[in-house]
Amino acid sequence: MTTSVAPKQQTIELTDLDLTQLSEVKKQLEEELSHLTSSFGQLKQVQTRFQDCIASVETIKGGKSGELVDTDKVIVDVGTGYYIEKGLDDALKFYAEKVEFVKNNSETLQQTITSKQNNLKMTIEVIQIKITQGAASSSK
């Protein structure tokens, strides 16, 4: 069985590794999966926040009267503590682009997570095979 331990770095023949090395590969894959899964969750939260911003701007754009003096412009958080004033249409466009950007990154990250999960599964299978072979050879 062959698996790619790191994207576009190298391919390792898992069956050539001993149990200690396989355990290290398994541990590394589990750590990477944990980090990637956490990052995926954070991206989804960011995407939801941007979608909430779109809903808020659309509410203002709806023309409902309220206590706001100027309902033609909103303050938009553009990141790293910077805010700019934008018209409603520009704000909607800005947030829609952000949602699309985060969505694309989430999809790419999901593919990476799936690949790492497959690598981990193959590593566990090879570990189980080697343990079974070791038990069979020691009982002879």
N, C-alpha and C. Protein backbone atom coordinates (compact mmCIF):
# COMPACT_ATOMS: atom_id res chain seq x y z
N MET A 1 0.84 -1.18 0.00
CA MET A 1 0.00 0.00 0.00
C MET A 1 0.88 1.24 0.00
N THR A 2 0.49 2.20 -0.77
CA THR A 2 1.24 3.44 -0.87
C THR A 2 0.34 4.59 -0.48
N THR A 3 0.92 5.53 0.24
CA THR A 3 0.16 6.72 0.59
C THR A 3 1.04 7.94 0.51
N SER A 4 0.44 9.04 0.21
CA SER A 4 1.17 10.30 0.17
C SER A 4 1.09 10.90 1.56
N VAL A 5 2.23 11.00 2.25
CA VAL A 5 2.25 11.50 3.61
C VAL A 5 2.02 13.01 3.63
N ALA A 6 2.58 13.73 2.68
CA ALA A 6 2.37 15.17 2.60
C ALA A 6 2.08 15.52 1.16
N PRO A 7 1.16 16.45 0.94
CA PRO A 7 0.80 16.78 -0.43
C PRO A 7 2.00 17.24 -1.25
N LYS A 8 2.19 16.60 -2.38
CA LYS A 8 3.23 16.96 -3.35
C LYS A 8 4.64 16.93 -2.76
N GLN A 9 4.87 16.13 -1.69
CA GLN A 9 6.21 16.05 -1.15
C GLN A 9 6.85 14.71 -1.47
N GLN A 10 6.26 13.65 -0.97
CA GLN A 10 6.84 12.34 -1.21
C GLN A 10 5.80 11.26 -1.03
N THR A 11 6.10 10.12 -1.60
CA THR A 11 5.24 8.96 -1.44
C THR A 11 6.03 7.91 -0.68
N ILE A 12 5.39 7.32 0.30
CA ILE A 12 6.04 6.32 1.14
C ILE A 12 5.30 5.00 1.00
N GLU A 13 6.04 3.94 0.83
CA GLU A 13 5.46 2.60 0.82
C GLU A 13 5.25 2.20 2.28
N LEU A 14 4.01 2.19 2.71
CA LEU A 14 3.70 1.93 4.11
C LEU A 14 4.16 0.55 4.56
N THR A 15 4.10 -0.41 3.68
CA THR A 15 4.48 -1.77 4.06
C THR A 15 5.98 -1.90 4.33
N ASP A 16 6.77 -0.91 3.89
CA ASP A 16 8.21 -0.93 4.15
C ASP A 16 8.57 -0.39 5.53
N LEU A 17 7.62 0.22 6.20
CA LEU A 17 7.87 0.81 7.51
C LEU A 17 7.62 -0.21 8.61
N ASP A 18 8.38 -0.08 9.72
CA ASP A 18 8.12 -0.96 10.85
C ASP A 18 7.00 -0.35 11.71
N LEU A 19 6.58 -1.08 12.72
CA LEU A 19 5.44 -0.63 13.54
C LEU A 19 5.69 0.71 14.22
N THR A 20 6.91 0.95 14.68
CA THR A 20 7.22 2.22 15.33
C THR A 20 7.06 3.38 14.35
N GLN A 21 7.59 3.20 13.15
CA GLN A 21 7.47 4.25 12.13
C GLN A 21 6.00 4.45 11.72
N LEU A 22 5.28 3.35 11.59
CA LEU A 22 3.86 3.45 11.24
C LEU A 22 3.08 4.18 12.33
N SER A 23 3.43 3.91 13.58
CA SER A 23 2.76 4.60 14.69
C SER A 23 3.03 6.10 14.64
N GLU A 24 4.25 6.47 14.27
CA GLU A 24 4.59 7.90 14.14
C GLU A 24 3.82 8.54 12.98
N VAL A 25 3.72 7.83 11.87
CA VAL A 25 2.95 8.34 10.73
C VAL A 25 1.49 8.51 11.14
N LYS A 26 0.95 7.52 11.84
CA LYS A 26 -0.43 7.58 12.31
C LYS A 26 -0.63 8.78 13.24
N LYS A 27 0.29 8.97 14.17
CA LYS A 27 0.20 10.09 15.11
C LYS A 27 0.23 11.42 14.36
N GLN A 28 1.14 11.54 13.40
CA GLN A 28 1.26 12.78 12.62
C GLN A 28 -0.03 13.04 11.84
N LEU A 29 -0.58 12.02 11.21
CA LEU A 29 -1.82 12.17 10.45
C LEU A 29 -2.98 12.58 11.36
N GLU A 30 -3.04 11.99 12.55
CA GLU A 30 -4.10 12.34 13.50
C GLU A 30 -3.99 13.81 13.92
N GLU A 31 -2.76 14.27 14.16
CA GLU A 31 -2.55 15.67 14.54
C GLU A 31 -2.93 16.61 13.40
N GLU A 32 -2.53 16.25 12.18
CA GLU A 32 -2.87 17.07 11.02
C GLU A 32 -4.39 17.12 10.82
N LEU A 33 -5.04 15.97 10.97
CA LEU A 33 -6.50 15.92 10.83
C LEU A 33 -7.19 16.78 11.88
N SER A 34 -6.70 16.73 13.09
CA SER A 34 -7.28 17.53 14.16
C SER A 34 -7.17 19.02 13.83
N HIS A 35 -6.00 19.44 13.39
CA HIS A 35 -5.78 20.85 13.03
C HIS A 35 -6.65 21.25 11.84
N LEU A 36 -6.68 20.42 10.81
CA LEU A 36 -7.46 20.73 9.61
C LEU A 36 -8.95 20.78 9.91
N THR A 37 -9.42 19.86 10.73
CA THR A 37 -10.84 19.84 11.10
C THR A 37 -11.21 21.09 11.89
N SER A 38 -10.32 21.50 12.78
CA SER A 38 -10.54 22.73 13.55
C SER A 38 -10.59 23.93 12.61
N SER A 39 -9.67 23.99 11.66
CA SER A 39 -9.64 25.09 10.69
C SER A 39 -10.91 25.10 9.85
N PHE A 40 -11.38 23.93 9.48
CA PHE A 40 -12.60 23.82 8.68
C PHE A 40 -13.79 24.40 9.46
N GLY A 41 -13.88 24.06 10.73
CA GLY A 41 -14.95 24.59 11.57
C GLY A 41 -14.89 26.11 11.68
N GLN A 42 -13.67 26.64 11.80
CA GLN A 42 -13.51 28.09 11.87
C GLN A 42 -13.92 28.75 10.56
N LEU A 43 -13.57 28.15 9.44
CA LEU A 43 -13.97 28.70 8.14
C LEU A 43 -15.49 28.73 8.02
N LYS A 44 -16.14 27.67 8.47
CA LYS A 44 -17.60 27.63 8.41
C LYS A 44 -18.22 28.73 9.28
N GLN A 45 -17.61 29.00 10.44
CA GLN A 45 -18.10 30.08 11.31
C GLN A 45 -17.94 31.43 10.63
N VAL A 46 -16.81 31.64 9.98
CA VAL A 46 -16.57 32.89 9.26
C VAL A 46 -17.59 33.05 8.13
N GLN A 47 -17.83 31.96 7.41
CA GLN A 47 -18.80 32.00 6.31
C GLN A 47 -20.18 32.39 6.85
N THR A 48 -20.57 31.82 7.96
CA THR A 48 -21.86 32.14 8.57
C THR A 48 -21.92 33.60 8.99
N ARG A 49 -20.81 34.11 9.54
CA ARG A 49 -20.77 35.51 9.94
C ARG A 49 -20.96 36.44 8.75
N PHE A 50 -20.29 36.13 7.64
CA PHE A 50 -20.45 36.95 6.43
C PHE A 50 -21.88 36.87 5.90
N GLN A 51 -22.47 35.69 5.97
CA GLN A 51 -23.87 35.55 5.52
C GLN A 51 -24.80 36.36 6.42
N ASP A 52 -24.50 36.40 7.72
CA ASP A 52 -25.28 37.23 8.63
C ASP A 52 -25.14 38.71 8.29
N CYS A 53 -23.93 39.11 7.89
CA CYS A 53 -23.70 40.50 7.48
C CYS A 53 -24.55 40.84 6.25
N ILE A 54 -24.61 39.91 5.31
CA ILE A 54 -25.44 40.12 4.11
C ILE A 54 -26.90 40.32 4.52
N ALA A 55 -27.38 39.48 5.42
CA ALA A 55 -28.77 39.59 5.88
C ALA A 55 -29.01 40.93 6.56
N SER A 56 -28.04 41.40 7.34
CA SER A 56 -28.19 42.69 8.01
C SER A 56 -28.25 43.83 7.02
N VAL A 57 -27.36 43.80 6.02
CA VAL A 57 -27.35 44.87 5.01
C VAL A 57 -28.65 44.83 4.21
N GLU A 58 -29.13 43.64 3.89
CA GLU A 58 -30.39 43.54 3.14
C GLU A 58 -31.57 44.08 3.96
N THR A 59 -31.51 43.90 5.27
CA THR A 59 -32.56 44.44 6.13
C THR A 59 -32.57 45.96 6.06
N ILE A 60 -31.40 46.56 6.12
CA ILE A 60 -31.29 48.02 6.02
C ILE A 60 -31.74 48.48 4.65
N LYS A 61 -31.33 47.74 3.63
CA LYS A 61 -31.65 48.11 2.25
C LYS A 61 -33.16 48.03 2.00
N GLY A 62 -33.86 47.24 2.79
CA GLY A 62 -35.29 47.08 2.63
C GLY A 62 -36.07 48.37 2.81
N GLY A 63 -35.43 49.40 3.31
CA GLY A 63 -36.06 50.70 3.41
C GLY A 63 -36.97 50.87 4.60
N LYS A 64 -36.90 49.99 5.55
CA LYS A 64 -37.74 50.14 6.73
C LYS A 64 -37.22 51.32 7.55
N SER A 65 -38.14 52.15 7.95
CA SER A 65 -37.71 53.32 8.72
C SER A 65 -37.32 52.88 10.12
N GLY A 66 -36.40 53.62 10.66
CA GLY A 66 -35.91 53.32 11.99
C GLY A 66 -35.24 54.54 12.55
N GLU A 67 -34.31 54.32 13.43
CA GLU A 67 -33.64 55.43 14.08
C GLU A 67 -32.32 55.79 13.41
N LEU A 68 -31.93 55.12 12.34
CA LEU A 68 -30.68 55.43 11.66
C LEU A 68 -30.85 56.71 10.85
N VAL A 69 -29.84 57.57 10.92
CA VAL A 69 -29.88 58.82 10.18
C VAL A 69 -29.62 58.57 8.70
N ASP A 70 -28.58 57.76 8.41
CA ASP A 70 -28.21 57.50 7.02
C ASP A 70 -28.29 56.00 6.77
N THR A 71 -29.29 55.58 6.02
CA THR A 71 -29.44 54.15 5.74
C THR A 71 -28.92 53.78 4.36
N ASP A 72 -28.20 54.71 3.72
CA ASP A 72 -27.64 54.44 2.40
C ASP A 72 -26.22 53.89 2.47
N LYS A 73 -25.60 53.99 3.64
CA LYS A 73 -24.22 53.53 3.79
C LYS A 73 -24.08 52.75 5.09
N VAL A 74 -23.13 51.83 5.07
CA VAL A 74 -22.83 51.03 6.26
C VAL A 74 -21.33 50.98 6.46
N ILE A 75 -20.93 50.67 7.67
CA ILE A 75 -19.52 50.49 7.99
C ILE A 75 -19.22 49.00 7.85
N VAL A 76 -18.19 48.70 7.05
CA VAL A 76 -17.84 47.31 6.75
C VAL A 76 -16.48 46.99 7.36
N ASP A 77 -16.41 45.87 8.09
CA ASP A 77 -15.15 45.38 8.64
C ASP A 77 -14.40 44.67 7.53
N VAL A 78 -13.27 45.26 7.10
CA VAL A 78 -12.50 44.66 6.00
C VAL A 78 -11.34 43.82 6.52
N GLY A 79 -11.25 43.65 7.83
CA GLY A 79 -10.23 42.78 8.41
C GLY A 79 -9.14 43.54 9.13
N THR A 80 -8.46 42.86 10.00
CA THR A 80 -7.34 43.36 10.80
C THR A 80 -7.62 44.71 11.45
N GLY A 81 -8.85 44.90 11.90
CA GLY A 81 -9.20 46.11 12.63
C GLY A 81 -9.50 47.33 11.77
N TYR A 82 -9.63 47.14 10.47
CA TYR A 82 -9.93 48.26 9.58
C TYR A 82 -11.39 48.21 9.15
N TYR A 83 -11.99 49.39 9.12
CA TYR A 83 -13.39 49.53 8.73
C TYR A 83 -13.49 50.61 7.65
N ILE A 84 -14.37 50.40 6.70
CA ILE A 84 -14.60 51.41 5.67
C ILE A 84 -16.10 51.59 5.48
N GLU A 85 -16.44 52.76 4.99
CA GLU A 85 -17.84 53.05 4.71
C GLU A 85 -18.13 52.64 3.28
N LYS A 86 -19.22 51.91 3.09
CA LYS A 86 -19.61 51.46 1.75
C LYS A 86 -21.10 51.68 1.56
N GLY A 87 -21.46 51.86 0.31
CA GLY A 87 -22.87 51.89 -0.03
C GLY A 87 -23.46 50.50 0.15
N LEU A 88 -24.77 50.41 0.23
CA LEU A 88 -25.41 49.12 0.50
C LEU A 88 -25.10 48.09 -0.56
N ASP A 89 -25.17 48.47 -1.84
CA ASP A 89 -24.88 47.51 -2.91
C ASP A 89 -23.43 47.05 -2.87
N ASP A 90 -22.51 47.99 -2.61
CA ASP A 90 -21.09 47.63 -2.51
C ASP A 90 -20.84 46.71 -1.31
N ALA A 91 -21.53 46.98 -0.21
CA ALA A 91 -21.37 46.13 0.98
C ALA A 91 -21.88 44.72 0.70
N LEU A 92 -23.02 44.64 0.04
CA LEU A 92 -23.55 43.31 -0.32
C LEU A 92 -22.59 42.56 -1.23
N LYS A 93 -22.05 43.27 -2.21
CA LYS A 93 -21.10 42.65 -3.13
C LYS A 93 -19.85 42.19 -2.38
N PHE A 94 -19.34 43.04 -1.49
CA PHE A 94 -18.15 42.72 -0.70
C PHE A 94 -18.37 41.43 0.10
N TYR A 95 -19.49 41.38 0.82
CA TYR A 95 -19.76 40.20 1.65
C TYR A 95 -20.05 38.96 0.81
N ALA A 96 -20.70 39.12 -0.32
CA ALA A 96 -20.94 37.98 -1.21
C ALA A 96 -19.63 37.41 -1.72
N GLU A 97 -18.68 38.28 -2.06
CA GLU A 97 -17.36 37.82 -2.51
C GLU A 97 -16.63 37.11 -1.38
N LYS A 98 -16.75 37.63 -0.17
CA LYS A 98 -16.11 36.98 0.98
C LYS A 98 -16.71 35.59 1.23
N VAL A 99 -18.03 35.49 1.13
CA VAL A 99 -18.69 34.19 1.32
C VAL A 99 -18.19 33.20 0.28
N GLU A 100 -18.10 33.63 -0.97
CA GLU A 100 -17.63 32.75 -2.05
C GLU A 100 -16.18 32.33 -1.83
N PHE A 101 -15.34 33.27 -1.40
CA PHE A 101 -13.93 32.98 -1.13
C PHE A 101 -13.80 31.94 -0.02
N VAL A 102 -14.52 32.14 1.07
CA VAL A 102 -14.46 31.20 2.19
C VAL A 102 -15.03 29.85 1.77
N LYS A 103 -16.09 29.85 0.98
CA LYS A 103 -16.69 28.60 0.50
C LYS A 103 -15.67 27.81 -0.32
N ASN A 104 -14.97 28.47 -1.23
CA ASN A 104 -13.97 27.79 -2.06
C ASN A 104 -12.84 27.23 -1.20
N ASN A 105 -12.38 28.01 -0.22
CA ASN A 105 -11.33 27.52 0.67
C ASN A 105 -11.82 26.34 1.51
N SER A 106 -13.07 26.39 1.92
CA SER A 106 -13.64 25.28 2.70
C SER A 106 -13.68 24.00 1.88
N GLU A 107 -14.06 24.13 0.61
CA GLU A 107 -14.11 22.96 -0.26
C GLU A 107 -12.73 22.36 -0.47
N THR A 108 -11.73 23.21 -0.67
CA THR A 108 -10.35 22.74 -0.83
C THR A 108 -9.89 22.05 0.45
N LEU A 109 -10.19 22.66 1.58
CA LEU A 109 -9.80 22.09 2.86
C LEU A 109 -10.51 20.76 3.10
N GLN A 110 -11.76 20.65 2.70
CA GLN A 110 -12.50 19.40 2.85
C GLN A 110 -11.85 18.29 2.04
N GLN A 111 -11.37 18.61 0.85
CA GLN A 111 -10.67 17.61 0.03
C GLN A 111 -9.39 17.15 0.71
N THR A 112 -8.67 18.09 1.31
CA THR A 112 -7.44 17.75 2.03
C THR A 112 -7.76 16.87 3.23
N ILE A 113 -8.81 17.20 3.96
CA ILE A 113 -9.22 16.40 5.11
C ILE A 113 -9.57 14.98 4.68
N THR A 114 -10.32 14.84 3.60
CA THR A 114 -10.69 13.52 3.09
C THR A 114 -9.45 12.72 2.71
N SER A 115 -8.50 13.36 2.07
CA SER A 115 -7.26 12.69 1.68
C SER A 115 -6.49 12.22 2.92
N LYS A 116 -6.40 13.08 3.93
CA LYS A 116 -5.70 12.72 5.17
C LYS A 116 -6.43 11.57 5.88
N GLN A 117 -7.76 11.60 5.87
CA GLN A 117 -8.52 10.51 6.49
C GLN A 117 -8.25 9.19 5.78
N ASN A 118 -8.17 9.23 4.46
CA ASN A 118 -7.86 8.01 3.70
C ASN A 118 -6.45 7.52 4.01
N ASN A 119 -5.50 8.45 4.12
CA ASN A 119 -4.13 8.08 4.47
C ASN A 119 -4.08 7.45 5.86
N LEU A 120 -4.81 8.03 6.80
CA LEU A 120 -4.85 7.49 8.15
C LEU A 120 -5.47 6.09 8.15
N LYS A 121 -6.55 5.92 7.41
CA LYS A 121 -7.21 4.62 7.33
C LYS A 121 -6.25 3.56 6.78
N MET A 122 -5.51 3.91 5.71
CA MET A 122 -4.56 2.95 5.13
C MET A 122 -3.44 2.64 6.12
N THR A 123 -2.98 3.65 6.84
CA THR A 123 -1.92 3.44 7.82
C THR A 123 -2.39 2.50 8.92
N ILE A 124 -3.60 2.69 9.40
CA ILE A 124 -4.15 1.81 10.44
C ILE A 124 -4.30 0.39 9.92
N GLU A 125 -4.73 0.24 8.67
CA GLU A 125 -4.86 -1.09 8.08
C GLU A 125 -3.50 -1.79 8.01
N VAL A 126 -2.46 -1.07 7.61
CA VAL A 126 -1.13 -1.67 7.52
C VAL A 126 -0.63 -2.04 8.92
N ILE A 127 -0.89 -1.19 9.91
CA ILE A 127 -0.50 -1.51 11.28
C ILE A 127 -1.19 -2.79 11.73
N GLN A 128 -2.48 -2.92 11.46
CA GLN A 128 -3.21 -4.13 11.85
C GLN A 128 -2.67 -5.36 11.15
N ILE A 129 -2.33 -5.23 9.87
CA ILE A 129 -1.76 -6.35 9.12
C ILE A 129 -0.43 -6.76 9.72
N LYS A 130 0.42 -5.78 10.03
CA LYS A 130 1.75 -6.09 10.59
C LYS A 130 1.62 -6.72 11.98
N ILE A 131 0.68 -6.24 12.77
CA ILE A 131 0.47 -6.83 14.10
C ILE A 131 0.00 -8.28 13.95
N THR A 132 -0.93 -8.51 13.03
CA THR A 132 -1.43 -9.87 12.78
C THR A 132 -0.31 -10.77 12.29
N GLN A 133 0.51 -10.27 11.37
CA GLN A 133 1.63 -11.07 10.86
C GLN A 133 2.65 -11.35 11.95
N GLY A 134 2.89 -10.35 12.81
CA GLY A 134 3.83 -10.53 13.92
C GLY A 134 3.32 -11.56 14.91
N ALA A 135 2.04 -11.54 15.19
CA ALA A 135 1.45 -12.51 16.12
C ALA A 135 1.48 -13.91 15.51
N ALA A 136 1.23 -14.00 14.21
CA ALA A 136 1.24 -15.31 13.54
C ALA A 136 2.65 -15.89 13.50
N SER A 137 3.64 -15.05 13.24
CA SER A 137 5.02 -15.56 13.14
C SER A 137 5.59 -15.90 14.52
N SER A 138 5.16 -15.20 15.56
CA SER A 138 5.66 -15.51 16.90
C SER A 138 4.99 -16.74 17.50
N SER A 139 3.82 -17.10 17.00
CA SER A 139 3.13 -18.29 17.52
C SER A 139 3.61 -19.57 16.84
N LYS A 140 4.41 -19.43 15.78
CA LYS A 140 4.90 -20.63 15.07
C LYS A 140 6.07 -21.25 15.75
